[in-house]
């Protein structure tokens, strides 16, 4: 409930739904927030740096961490794996830091399950499928097959939005920024 301080601000949406853009906005707006860096086995994209956008690791290393229960959540997407390292969250919480997460829907729900008192979940719902598909295509980071797989997941992801604390329709970015800012202010003050 608003008024209760939260240390894990969790943003989620379907791919192309704006979670990375909103996370960057929050980090600029609230300098006390810190980005939670996930682990992944996917190759680095241009301008990405290990330890900044992701912890890039090979599949054997990722699965060792998974088998050792070092991950709060993990997901396989297009043959690549993504996960949140428990050590990173615990370290931030022990240091009194507030983390911003940019994760898929299942990852967000896993975080809430693992850290129910510390988490607030915000779902960014696309205004419509056309806008979402357009955003995915503009990124030029996935093949047509990957775009189609991402679009097929949207119904499931939107269906889980009722399990989130807040749902915002991400239609006009300035409005989305303002709504998310108001929500976050209530939880971090």
N, C-alpha and C. Protein backbone atom coordinates (compact mmCIF):
# COMPACT_ATOMS: atom_id res chain seq x y z
N UNK A 1 0.84 -1.18 0.00
CA UNK A 1 0.00 0.00 0.00
C UNK A 1 0.88 1.24 0.00
N UNK A 2 0.45 2.31 -0.69
CA UNK A 2 1.24 3.53 -0.70
C UNK A 2 1.46 4.03 0.72
N UNK A 3 2.58 4.66 0.95
CA UNK A 3 2.92 5.12 2.28
C UNK A 3 3.87 4.15 2.97
N UNK A 4 3.90 2.92 2.48
CA UNK A 4 4.81 1.91 3.00
C UNK A 4 6.06 1.96 2.15
N UNK A 5 7.20 2.16 2.78
CA UNK A 5 8.45 2.27 2.02
C UNK A 5 8.79 0.94 1.35
N UNK A 6 9.15 1.01 0.07
CA UNK A 6 9.53 -0.17 -0.71
C UNK A 6 10.94 0.02 -1.22
N UNK A 7 11.69 -1.07 -1.27
CA UNK A 7 13.09 -1.01 -1.72
C UNK A 7 13.28 -1.63 -3.09
N UNK A 8 12.26 -2.32 -3.61
CA UNK A 8 12.37 -2.96 -4.93
C UNK A 8 11.23 -2.44 -5.81
N UNK A 9 11.57 -1.57 -6.74
CA UNK A 9 10.60 -0.99 -7.68
C UNK A 9 10.70 -1.82 -8.95
N UNK A 10 9.65 -2.59 -9.24
CA UNK A 10 9.70 -3.58 -10.31
C UNK A 10 8.81 -3.14 -11.47
N UNK A 11 9.43 -2.85 -12.61
CA UNK A 11 8.72 -2.48 -13.83
C UNK A 11 8.63 -3.69 -14.75
N UNK A 12 7.45 -3.89 -15.32
CA UNK A 12 7.30 -4.98 -16.26
C UNK A 12 6.31 -4.58 -17.34
N UNK A 13 6.45 -5.23 -18.48
CA UNK A 13 5.56 -5.01 -19.62
C UNK A 13 5.90 -6.08 -20.64
N UNK A 14 5.05 -6.22 -21.66
CA UNK A 14 5.49 -7.06 -22.78
C UNK A 14 6.72 -6.43 -23.43
N UNK A 15 7.48 -7.21 -24.19
CA UNK A 15 8.63 -6.66 -24.93
C UNK A 15 8.16 -5.49 -25.79
N UNK A 16 8.91 -4.39 -25.72
CA UNK A 16 8.55 -3.20 -26.48
C UNK A 16 7.53 -2.33 -25.77
N UNK A 17 7.18 -2.70 -24.53
CA UNK A 17 6.16 -1.97 -23.78
C UNK A 17 6.65 -0.73 -23.06
N UNK A 18 7.97 -0.50 -23.07
CA UNK A 18 8.50 0.74 -22.51
C UNK A 18 9.18 0.62 -21.16
N UNK A 19 9.36 -0.61 -20.65
CA UNK A 19 9.92 -0.73 -19.30
C UNK A 19 11.34 -0.18 -19.20
N UNK A 20 12.18 -0.38 -20.21
CA UNK A 20 13.56 0.15 -20.16
C UNK A 20 13.55 1.68 -20.20
N UNK A 21 12.69 2.25 -21.02
CA UNK A 21 12.58 3.71 -21.13
C UNK A 21 12.12 4.31 -19.81
N UNK A 22 11.12 3.69 -19.19
CA UNK A 22 10.60 4.18 -17.91
C UNK A 22 11.64 3.98 -16.81
N UNK A 23 12.36 2.87 -16.83
CA UNK A 23 13.41 2.64 -15.83
C UNK A 23 14.48 3.73 -15.93
N UNK A 24 14.90 4.07 -17.15
CA UNK A 24 15.91 5.14 -17.33
C UNK A 24 15.37 6.47 -16.80
N UNK A 25 14.08 6.75 -17.05
CA UNK A 25 13.46 7.97 -16.55
C UNK A 25 13.51 8.01 -15.01
N UNK A 26 13.15 6.90 -14.38
CA UNK A 26 13.16 6.86 -12.91
C UNK A 26 14.56 7.08 -12.36
N UNK A 27 15.55 6.50 -13.00
CA UNK A 27 16.93 6.65 -12.53
C UNK A 27 17.41 8.09 -12.67
N UNK A 28 16.96 8.78 -13.71
CA UNK A 28 17.30 10.21 -13.88
C UNK A 28 16.54 11.07 -12.87
N UNK A 29 15.31 10.71 -12.60
CA UNK A 29 14.44 11.52 -11.74
C UNK A 29 14.76 11.36 -10.27
N UNK A 30 15.11 10.14 -9.87
CA UNK A 30 15.39 9.85 -8.47
C UNK A 30 16.83 9.32 -8.36
N UNK A 31 17.78 10.21 -8.11
CA UNK A 31 19.18 9.79 -8.09
C UNK A 31 19.50 8.74 -7.01
N UNK A 32 18.64 8.61 -6.01
CA UNK A 32 18.89 7.62 -4.96
C UNK A 32 18.57 6.20 -5.41
N UNK A 33 17.89 6.05 -6.54
CA UNK A 33 17.58 4.72 -7.06
C UNK A 33 18.78 4.13 -7.78
N UNK A 34 18.85 2.82 -7.78
CA UNK A 34 19.94 2.11 -8.45
C UNK A 34 19.32 1.04 -9.35
N UNK A 35 19.86 0.85 -10.53
CA UNK A 35 19.34 -0.14 -11.46
C UNK A 35 19.78 -1.54 -11.05
N UNK A 36 18.84 -2.47 -11.03
CA UNK A 36 19.17 -3.86 -10.75
C UNK A 36 19.63 -4.51 -12.05
N UNK A 37 20.80 -5.06 -12.01
CA UNK A 37 21.38 -5.65 -13.22
C UNK A 37 21.11 -7.15 -13.23
N UNK A 38 20.47 -7.61 -14.28
CA UNK A 38 20.16 -9.03 -14.45
C UNK A 38 21.34 -9.75 -15.10
N UNK A 39 21.30 -11.06 -15.01
CA UNK A 39 22.27 -11.91 -15.72
C UNK A 39 21.62 -12.42 -16.99
N UNK A 40 22.41 -12.61 -18.03
CA UNK A 40 21.88 -13.16 -19.28
C UNK A 40 22.96 -13.94 -20.02
N UNK A 41 22.49 -14.88 -20.83
CA UNK A 41 23.40 -15.62 -21.70
C UNK A 41 23.37 -15.07 -23.12
N UNK A 42 22.51 -14.09 -23.38
CA UNK A 42 22.46 -13.55 -24.74
C UNK A 42 23.69 -12.71 -25.03
N UNK A 43 24.05 -12.60 -26.31
CA UNK A 43 25.22 -11.78 -26.66
C UNK A 43 24.98 -10.31 -26.35
N UNK A 44 26.06 -9.59 -26.07
CA UNK A 44 25.96 -8.15 -25.85
C UNK A 44 25.52 -7.47 -27.14
N UNK A 45 24.66 -6.47 -26.98
CA UNK A 45 24.29 -5.62 -28.11
C UNK A 45 25.29 -4.46 -28.15
N UNK A 46 25.37 -3.78 -29.30
CA UNK A 46 26.27 -2.61 -29.36
C UNK A 46 25.95 -1.64 -28.22
N UNK A 47 26.98 -1.07 -27.64
CA UNK A 47 26.88 -0.09 -26.55
C UNK A 47 26.50 -0.69 -25.20
N UNK A 48 26.38 -2.00 -25.09
CA UNK A 48 26.14 -2.61 -23.78
C UNK A 48 27.47 -2.98 -23.15
N UNK A 49 27.51 -2.92 -21.83
CA UNK A 49 28.73 -3.23 -21.08
C UNK A 49 28.41 -4.23 -19.98
N UNK A 50 29.28 -5.23 -19.83
CA UNK A 50 29.12 -6.21 -18.76
C UNK A 50 29.12 -5.49 -17.41
N UNK A 51 28.11 -5.79 -16.60
CA UNK A 51 28.01 -5.17 -15.29
C UNK A 51 27.26 -3.86 -15.28
N UNK A 52 26.88 -3.37 -16.45
CA UNK A 52 26.07 -2.13 -16.50
C UNK A 52 24.65 -2.47 -16.93
N UNK A 53 24.45 -3.01 -18.13
CA UNK A 53 23.11 -3.40 -18.57
C UNK A 53 22.76 -4.80 -18.06
N UNK A 54 23.74 -5.70 -18.15
CA UNK A 54 23.57 -7.10 -17.73
C UNK A 54 24.90 -7.63 -17.24
N UNK A 55 24.81 -8.76 -16.51
CA UNK A 55 25.97 -9.59 -16.27
C UNK A 55 25.91 -10.65 -17.36
N UNK A 56 26.79 -10.54 -18.34
CA UNK A 56 26.80 -11.47 -19.46
C UNK A 56 27.58 -12.71 -19.05
N UNK A 57 26.98 -13.88 -19.22
CA UNK A 57 27.66 -15.12 -18.85
C UNK A 57 27.31 -16.22 -19.84
N UNK A 58 28.14 -17.24 -19.86
CA UNK A 58 27.84 -18.37 -20.75
C UNK A 58 26.80 -19.27 -20.08
N UNK A 59 26.24 -20.19 -20.86
CA UNK A 59 25.17 -21.06 -20.36
C UNK A 59 25.62 -21.93 -19.18
N UNK A 60 26.82 -22.56 -19.23
CA UNK A 60 27.23 -23.36 -18.07
C UNK A 60 27.29 -22.54 -16.76
N UNK A 61 27.84 -21.33 -16.83
CA UNK A 61 27.91 -20.48 -15.63
C UNK A 61 26.52 -20.12 -15.14
N UNK A 62 25.63 -19.77 -16.07
CA UNK A 62 24.25 -19.41 -15.70
C UNK A 62 23.58 -20.58 -14.98
N UNK A 63 23.72 -21.78 -15.54
CA UNK A 63 23.06 -22.94 -14.94
C UNK A 63 23.69 -23.35 -13.60
N UNK A 64 24.98 -23.10 -13.44
CA UNK A 64 25.60 -23.35 -12.13
C UNK A 64 24.94 -22.46 -11.07
N UNK A 65 24.76 -21.19 -11.41
CA UNK A 65 24.14 -20.25 -10.46
C UNK A 65 22.69 -20.64 -10.20
N UNK A 66 22.00 -21.07 -11.22
CA UNK A 66 20.61 -21.49 -11.08
C UNK A 66 20.51 -22.73 -10.17
N UNK A 67 21.35 -23.72 -10.41
CA UNK A 67 21.34 -24.94 -9.60
C UNK A 67 21.75 -24.69 -8.16
N UNK A 68 22.57 -23.68 -7.93
CA UNK A 68 23.00 -23.33 -6.58
C UNK A 68 22.03 -22.38 -5.88
N UNK A 69 20.83 -22.20 -6.47
CA UNK A 69 19.80 -21.30 -5.92
C UNK A 69 20.31 -19.88 -5.72
N UNK A 70 21.14 -19.43 -6.65
CA UNK A 70 21.67 -18.07 -6.58
C UNK A 70 20.82 -17.07 -7.36
N UNK A 71 19.72 -17.56 -7.97
CA UNK A 71 18.85 -16.69 -8.75
C UNK A 71 17.45 -16.68 -8.15
N UNK A 72 16.86 -15.50 -8.11
CA UNK A 72 15.49 -15.36 -7.63
C UNK A 72 14.52 -15.82 -8.71
N UNK A 73 14.86 -15.52 -9.93
CA UNK A 73 13.99 -15.90 -11.05
C UNK A 73 14.86 -16.07 -12.28
N UNK A 74 14.33 -16.84 -13.21
CA UNK A 74 15.01 -16.97 -14.50
C UNK A 74 13.97 -17.28 -15.56
N UNK A 75 14.34 -17.00 -16.78
CA UNK A 75 13.44 -17.17 -17.91
C UNK A 75 14.27 -17.50 -19.15
N UNK A 76 13.75 -18.37 -19.97
CA UNK A 76 14.39 -18.68 -21.25
C UNK A 76 13.57 -18.01 -22.34
N UNK A 77 14.23 -17.19 -23.14
CA UNK A 77 13.57 -16.50 -24.25
C UNK A 77 14.46 -16.65 -25.47
N UNK A 78 13.92 -17.30 -26.51
CA UNK A 78 14.66 -17.51 -27.76
C UNK A 78 15.98 -18.22 -27.56
N UNK A 79 16.02 -19.18 -26.65
CA UNK A 79 17.23 -19.95 -26.43
C UNK A 79 18.27 -19.24 -25.59
N UNK A 80 17.96 -18.04 -25.12
CA UNK A 80 18.85 -17.29 -24.22
C UNK A 80 18.20 -17.25 -22.85
N UNK A 81 19.01 -17.16 -21.81
CA UNK A 81 18.51 -17.19 -20.45
C UNK A 81 18.74 -15.86 -19.76
N UNK A 82 17.78 -15.50 -18.92
CA UNK A 82 17.83 -14.26 -18.15
C UNK A 82 17.52 -14.59 -16.70
N UNK A 83 18.12 -13.90 -15.78
CA UNK A 83 17.83 -14.15 -14.37
C UNK A 83 18.30 -13.03 -13.48
N UNK A 84 17.74 -13.02 -12.27
CA UNK A 84 18.10 -12.02 -11.27
C UNK A 84 18.89 -12.69 -10.16
N UNK A 85 20.08 -12.20 -9.93
CA UNK A 85 20.97 -12.76 -8.92
C UNK A 85 20.53 -12.34 -7.51
N UNK A 86 20.28 -13.32 -6.68
CA UNK A 86 19.87 -13.07 -5.29
C UNK A 86 20.92 -12.24 -4.56
N UNK A 87 22.19 -12.50 -4.81
CA UNK A 87 23.27 -11.79 -4.12
C UNK A 87 23.21 -10.29 -4.38
N UNK A 88 22.84 -9.90 -5.59
CA UNK A 88 22.77 -8.48 -5.93
C UNK A 88 21.65 -7.79 -5.17
N UNK A 89 20.51 -8.45 -5.05
CA UNK A 89 19.38 -7.87 -4.31
C UNK A 89 19.70 -7.79 -2.83
N UNK A 90 20.20 -8.87 -2.27
CA UNK A 90 20.50 -8.90 -0.83
C UNK A 90 21.56 -7.85 -0.47
N UNK A 91 22.56 -7.71 -1.33
CA UNK A 91 23.61 -6.71 -1.07
C UNK A 91 23.00 -5.30 -1.05
N UNK A 92 22.16 -5.00 -2.03
CA UNK A 92 21.53 -3.67 -2.09
C UNK A 92 20.62 -3.44 -0.89
N UNK A 93 19.82 -4.43 -0.52
CA UNK A 93 18.93 -4.28 0.63
C UNK A 93 19.73 -4.08 1.91
N UNK A 94 20.80 -4.83 2.08
CA UNK A 94 21.65 -4.68 3.27
C UNK A 94 22.31 -3.31 3.35
N UNK A 95 22.53 -2.69 2.18
CA UNK A 95 23.13 -1.36 2.14
C UNK A 95 22.07 -0.25 2.16
N UNK A 96 20.79 -0.64 2.26
CA UNK A 96 19.71 0.34 2.31
C UNK A 96 19.38 0.97 0.98
N UNK A 97 19.82 0.39 -0.10
CA UNK A 97 19.57 0.94 -1.43
C UNK A 97 18.19 0.54 -1.95
N UNK A 98 17.66 1.34 -2.85
CA UNK A 98 16.40 1.04 -3.51
C UNK A 98 16.71 0.71 -4.96
N UNK A 99 16.27 -0.46 -5.40
CA UNK A 99 16.57 -0.94 -6.74
C UNK A 99 15.38 -0.78 -7.68
N UNK A 100 15.68 -0.50 -8.95
CA UNK A 100 14.68 -0.47 -10.01
C UNK A 100 14.95 -1.68 -10.90
N UNK A 101 13.91 -2.46 -11.15
CA UNK A 101 14.00 -3.64 -11.99
C UNK A 101 13.25 -3.41 -13.29
N UNK A 102 13.79 -3.95 -14.35
CA UNK A 102 13.20 -3.93 -15.69
C UNK A 102 13.18 -5.40 -16.11
N UNK A 103 12.07 -6.10 -15.78
CA UNK A 103 12.01 -7.55 -15.99
C UNK A 103 10.71 -7.96 -16.66
N UNK A 104 10.69 -9.19 -17.16
CA UNK A 104 9.47 -9.70 -17.76
C UNK A 104 8.45 -10.00 -16.64
N UNK A 105 7.24 -10.32 -17.05
CA UNK A 105 6.12 -10.51 -16.12
C UNK A 105 6.39 -11.63 -15.12
N UNK A 106 6.88 -12.76 -15.60
CA UNK A 106 7.14 -13.88 -14.69
C UNK A 106 8.24 -13.51 -13.69
N UNK A 107 9.25 -12.80 -14.15
CA UNK A 107 10.31 -12.36 -13.26
C UNK A 107 9.79 -11.42 -12.19
N UNK A 108 8.91 -10.50 -12.58
CA UNK A 108 8.33 -9.56 -11.62
C UNK A 108 7.55 -10.31 -10.53
N UNK A 109 6.75 -11.28 -10.95
CA UNK A 109 5.96 -12.04 -9.98
C UNK A 109 6.85 -12.89 -9.07
N UNK A 110 7.95 -13.40 -9.60
CA UNK A 110 8.90 -14.15 -8.77
C UNK A 110 9.55 -13.24 -7.73
N UNK A 111 9.87 -12.02 -8.12
CA UNK A 111 10.46 -11.07 -7.17
C UNK A 111 9.48 -10.76 -6.04
N UNK A 112 8.21 -10.57 -6.40
CA UNK A 112 7.20 -10.28 -5.39
C UNK A 112 7.04 -11.47 -4.43
N UNK A 113 7.13 -12.67 -4.97
CA UNK A 113 7.01 -13.86 -4.14
C UNK A 113 8.20 -13.97 -3.18
N UNK A 114 9.40 -13.67 -3.67
CA UNK A 114 10.61 -13.79 -2.85
C UNK A 114 10.76 -12.64 -1.85
N UNK A 115 10.31 -11.45 -2.24
CA UNK A 115 10.46 -10.25 -1.41
C UNK A 115 9.12 -9.51 -1.33
N UNK A 116 8.11 -10.11 -0.73
CA UNK A 116 6.76 -9.50 -0.75
C UNK A 116 6.66 -8.15 -0.05
N UNK A 117 7.38 -7.96 1.05
CA UNK A 117 7.28 -6.69 1.79
C UNK A 117 8.10 -5.58 1.15
N UNK A 118 9.13 -5.95 0.40
CA UNK A 118 10.03 -4.95 -0.16
C UNK A 118 9.66 -4.52 -1.58
N UNK A 119 8.75 -5.24 -2.24
CA UNK A 119 8.48 -5.04 -3.67
C UNK A 119 7.21 -4.25 -3.95
N UNK A 120 7.28 -3.42 -4.97
CA UNK A 120 6.08 -2.82 -5.56
C UNK A 120 6.18 -3.09 -7.06
N UNK A 121 5.13 -3.68 -7.62
CA UNK A 121 5.12 -4.07 -9.03
C UNK A 121 4.28 -3.11 -9.86
N UNK A 122 4.87 -2.60 -10.94
CA UNK A 122 4.19 -1.68 -11.85
C UNK A 122 4.19 -2.31 -13.24
N UNK A 123 2.99 -2.51 -13.79
CA UNK A 123 2.84 -3.09 -15.12
C UNK A 123 2.54 -1.99 -16.11
N UNK A 124 3.33 -1.92 -17.19
CA UNK A 124 3.11 -0.96 -18.27
C UNK A 124 2.37 -1.68 -19.38
N UNK A 125 1.12 -1.32 -19.52
CA UNK A 125 0.26 -1.98 -20.51
C UNK A 125 0.31 -1.20 -21.82
N UNK A 126 0.53 -1.90 -22.94
CA UNK A 126 0.55 -1.18 -24.22
C UNK A 126 -0.83 -0.62 -24.55
N UNK A 127 -0.85 0.54 -25.20
CA UNK A 127 -2.12 1.16 -25.59
C UNK A 127 -2.86 0.26 -26.58
N UNK A 128 -2.09 -0.37 -27.48
CA UNK A 128 -2.68 -1.30 -28.44
C UNK A 128 -1.57 -2.14 -29.06
N UNK A 129 -1.97 -3.21 -29.71
CA UNK A 129 -0.99 -4.14 -30.29
C UNK A 129 -0.19 -3.50 -31.43
N UNK A 130 -0.82 -2.61 -32.18
CA UNK A 130 -0.11 -1.98 -33.30
C UNK A 130 1.07 -1.15 -32.81
N UNK A 131 0.83 -0.38 -31.75
CA UNK A 131 1.91 0.45 -31.20
C UNK A 131 3.04 -0.42 -30.66
N UNK A 132 2.67 -1.51 -30.01
CA UNK A 132 3.67 -2.41 -29.45
C UNK A 132 4.51 -3.04 -30.56
N UNK A 133 3.85 -3.53 -31.60
CA UNK A 133 4.57 -4.16 -32.70
C UNK A 133 5.50 -3.14 -33.38
N UNK A 134 5.03 -1.91 -33.52
CA UNK A 134 5.83 -0.86 -34.14
C UNK A 134 7.11 -0.60 -33.32
N UNK A 135 6.97 -0.56 -31.99
CA UNK A 135 8.14 -0.35 -31.13
C UNK A 135 9.15 -1.48 -31.29
N UNK A 136 8.65 -2.72 -31.32
CA UNK A 136 9.55 -3.87 -31.47
C UNK A 136 10.33 -3.78 -32.79
N UNK A 137 9.62 -3.43 -33.85
CA UNK A 137 10.27 -3.35 -35.17
C UNK A 137 11.29 -2.21 -35.24
N UNK A 138 10.98 -1.08 -34.60
CA UNK A 138 11.89 0.08 -34.62
C UNK A 138 13.22 -0.22 -33.94
N UNK A 139 13.23 -1.15 -33.00
CA UNK A 139 14.47 -1.47 -32.29
C UNK A 139 15.51 -2.12 -33.20
N UNK A 140 15.05 -2.86 -34.20
CA UNK A 140 15.93 -3.57 -35.13
C UNK A 140 16.90 -4.50 -34.41
N UNK A 141 16.42 -5.16 -33.36
CA UNK A 141 17.29 -6.07 -32.60
C UNK A 141 16.86 -7.52 -32.71
N UNK A 142 15.69 -7.79 -33.28
CA UNK A 142 15.20 -9.17 -33.39
C UNK A 142 14.80 -9.50 -34.81
N UNK A 143 14.85 -10.80 -35.09
CA UNK A 143 14.40 -11.28 -36.39
C UNK A 143 12.87 -11.25 -36.43
N UNK A 144 12.31 -11.44 -37.61
CA UNK A 144 10.85 -11.49 -37.74
C UNK A 144 10.28 -12.61 -36.88
N UNK A 145 10.94 -13.75 -36.86
CA UNK A 145 10.48 -14.88 -36.04
C UNK A 145 10.45 -14.50 -34.56
N UNK A 146 11.50 -13.83 -34.10
CA UNK A 146 11.55 -13.42 -32.69
C UNK A 146 10.46 -12.40 -32.37
N UNK A 147 10.21 -11.49 -33.28
CA UNK A 147 9.14 -10.50 -33.07
C UNK A 147 7.80 -11.22 -32.93
N UNK A 148 7.55 -12.19 -33.78
CA UNK A 148 6.27 -12.92 -33.72
C UNK A 148 6.13 -13.70 -32.41
N UNK A 149 7.23 -14.30 -31.94
CA UNK A 149 7.18 -15.02 -30.66
C UNK A 149 6.89 -14.04 -29.53
N UNK A 150 7.53 -12.88 -29.55
CA UNK A 150 7.29 -11.88 -28.51
C UNK A 150 5.83 -11.42 -28.54
N UNK A 151 5.29 -11.22 -29.72
CA UNK A 151 3.90 -10.77 -29.83
C UNK A 151 2.92 -11.83 -29.32
N UNK A 152 3.25 -13.10 -29.50
CA UNK A 152 2.37 -14.18 -29.03
C UNK A 152 2.33 -14.24 -27.50
N UNK A 153 3.36 -13.76 -26.83
CA UNK A 153 3.40 -13.76 -25.36
C UNK A 153 2.56 -12.65 -24.74
N UNK A 154 2.21 -11.65 -25.53
CA UNK A 154 1.56 -10.45 -25.00
C UNK A 154 0.25 -10.78 -24.26
N UNK A 155 -0.58 -11.63 -24.83
CA UNK A 155 -1.86 -11.95 -24.19
C UNK A 155 -1.64 -12.54 -22.79
N UNK A 156 -0.70 -13.48 -22.67
CA UNK A 156 -0.40 -14.07 -21.37
C UNK A 156 0.11 -13.00 -20.40
N UNK A 157 0.99 -12.13 -20.89
CA UNK A 157 1.57 -11.11 -20.03
C UNK A 157 0.51 -10.11 -19.54
N UNK A 158 -0.33 -9.66 -20.44
CA UNK A 158 -1.40 -8.73 -20.05
C UNK A 158 -2.37 -9.43 -19.09
N UNK A 159 -2.60 -10.71 -19.30
CA UNK A 159 -3.47 -11.47 -18.41
C UNK A 159 -2.97 -11.53 -16.98
N UNK A 160 -1.68 -11.39 -16.78
CA UNK A 160 -1.10 -11.44 -15.43
C UNK A 160 -1.02 -10.04 -14.79
N UNK A 161 -1.40 -9.01 -15.53
CA UNK A 161 -1.27 -7.64 -15.00
C UNK A 161 -2.13 -7.43 -13.75
N UNK A 162 -3.18 -8.22 -13.58
CA UNK A 162 -4.03 -8.06 -12.38
C UNK A 162 -3.31 -8.50 -11.11
N UNK A 163 -2.17 -9.14 -11.24
CA UNK A 163 -1.37 -9.55 -10.08
C UNK A 163 -0.36 -8.47 -9.66
N UNK A 164 -0.37 -7.36 -10.38
CA UNK A 164 0.55 -6.25 -10.10
C UNK A 164 -0.12 -5.23 -9.19
N UNK A 165 0.70 -4.44 -8.49
CA UNK A 165 0.17 -3.41 -7.59
C UNK A 165 -0.42 -2.24 -8.36
N UNK A 166 0.18 -1.93 -9.51
CA UNK A 166 -0.26 -0.78 -10.33
C UNK A 166 -0.18 -1.17 -11.80
N UNK A 167 -1.18 -0.71 -12.58
CA UNK A 167 -1.19 -0.92 -14.03
C UNK A 167 -1.35 0.45 -14.68
N UNK A 168 -0.44 0.77 -15.58
CA UNK A 168 -0.46 2.05 -16.30
C UNK A 168 -0.52 1.75 -17.79
N UNK A 169 -1.46 2.38 -18.48
CA UNK A 169 -1.50 2.25 -19.94
C UNK A 169 -0.45 3.20 -20.50
N UNK A 170 0.54 2.63 -21.18
CA UNK A 170 1.65 3.41 -21.73
C UNK A 170 1.30 3.85 -23.14
N UNK A 171 0.57 4.96 -23.22
CA UNK A 171 0.16 5.49 -24.52
C UNK A 171 0.97 6.75 -24.84
N UNK A 172 0.84 7.76 -24.00
CA UNK A 172 1.60 9.01 -24.15
C UNK A 172 2.73 8.96 -23.13
N UNK A 173 3.95 8.93 -23.61
CA UNK A 173 5.11 8.71 -22.74
C UNK A 173 5.19 9.72 -21.60
N UNK A 174 4.94 11.00 -21.87
CA UNK A 174 5.01 12.02 -20.82
C UNK A 174 4.01 11.71 -19.71
N UNK A 175 2.81 11.24 -20.07
CA UNK A 175 1.80 10.88 -19.08
C UNK A 175 2.24 9.65 -18.28
N UNK A 176 2.82 8.69 -18.97
CA UNK A 176 3.32 7.48 -18.30
C UNK A 176 4.39 7.87 -17.29
N UNK A 177 5.34 8.72 -17.70
CA UNK A 177 6.40 9.18 -16.80
C UNK A 177 5.79 9.80 -15.54
N UNK A 178 4.81 10.68 -15.73
CA UNK A 178 4.20 11.38 -14.59
C UNK A 178 3.50 10.40 -13.65
N UNK A 179 2.77 9.45 -14.20
CA UNK A 179 2.07 8.47 -13.37
C UNK A 179 3.05 7.59 -12.58
N UNK A 180 4.08 7.13 -13.25
CA UNK A 180 5.07 6.28 -12.58
C UNK A 180 5.80 7.09 -11.51
N UNK A 181 6.14 8.32 -11.82
CA UNK A 181 6.81 9.18 -10.85
C UNK A 181 5.96 9.34 -9.58
N UNK A 182 4.67 9.60 -9.74
CA UNK A 182 3.76 9.75 -8.60
C UNK A 182 3.71 8.47 -7.76
N UNK A 183 3.64 7.34 -8.42
CA UNK A 183 3.60 6.06 -7.70
C UNK A 183 4.88 5.85 -6.91
N UNK A 184 6.02 6.02 -7.58
CA UNK A 184 7.31 5.76 -6.93
C UNK A 184 7.53 6.71 -5.76
N UNK A 185 7.16 7.98 -5.92
CA UNK A 185 7.32 8.95 -4.83
C UNK A 185 6.63 8.47 -3.55
N UNK A 186 5.47 7.86 -3.69
CA UNK A 186 4.71 7.39 -2.53
C UNK A 186 5.42 6.27 -1.80
N UNK A 187 6.20 5.48 -2.51
CA UNK A 187 6.84 4.31 -1.91
C UNK A 187 8.25 4.57 -1.41
N UNK A 188 8.91 5.61 -1.91
CA UNK A 188 10.32 5.80 -1.50
C UNK A 188 10.49 6.92 -0.49
N UNK A 189 9.46 7.70 -0.25
CA UNK A 189 9.57 8.82 0.72
C UNK A 189 9.47 8.31 2.14
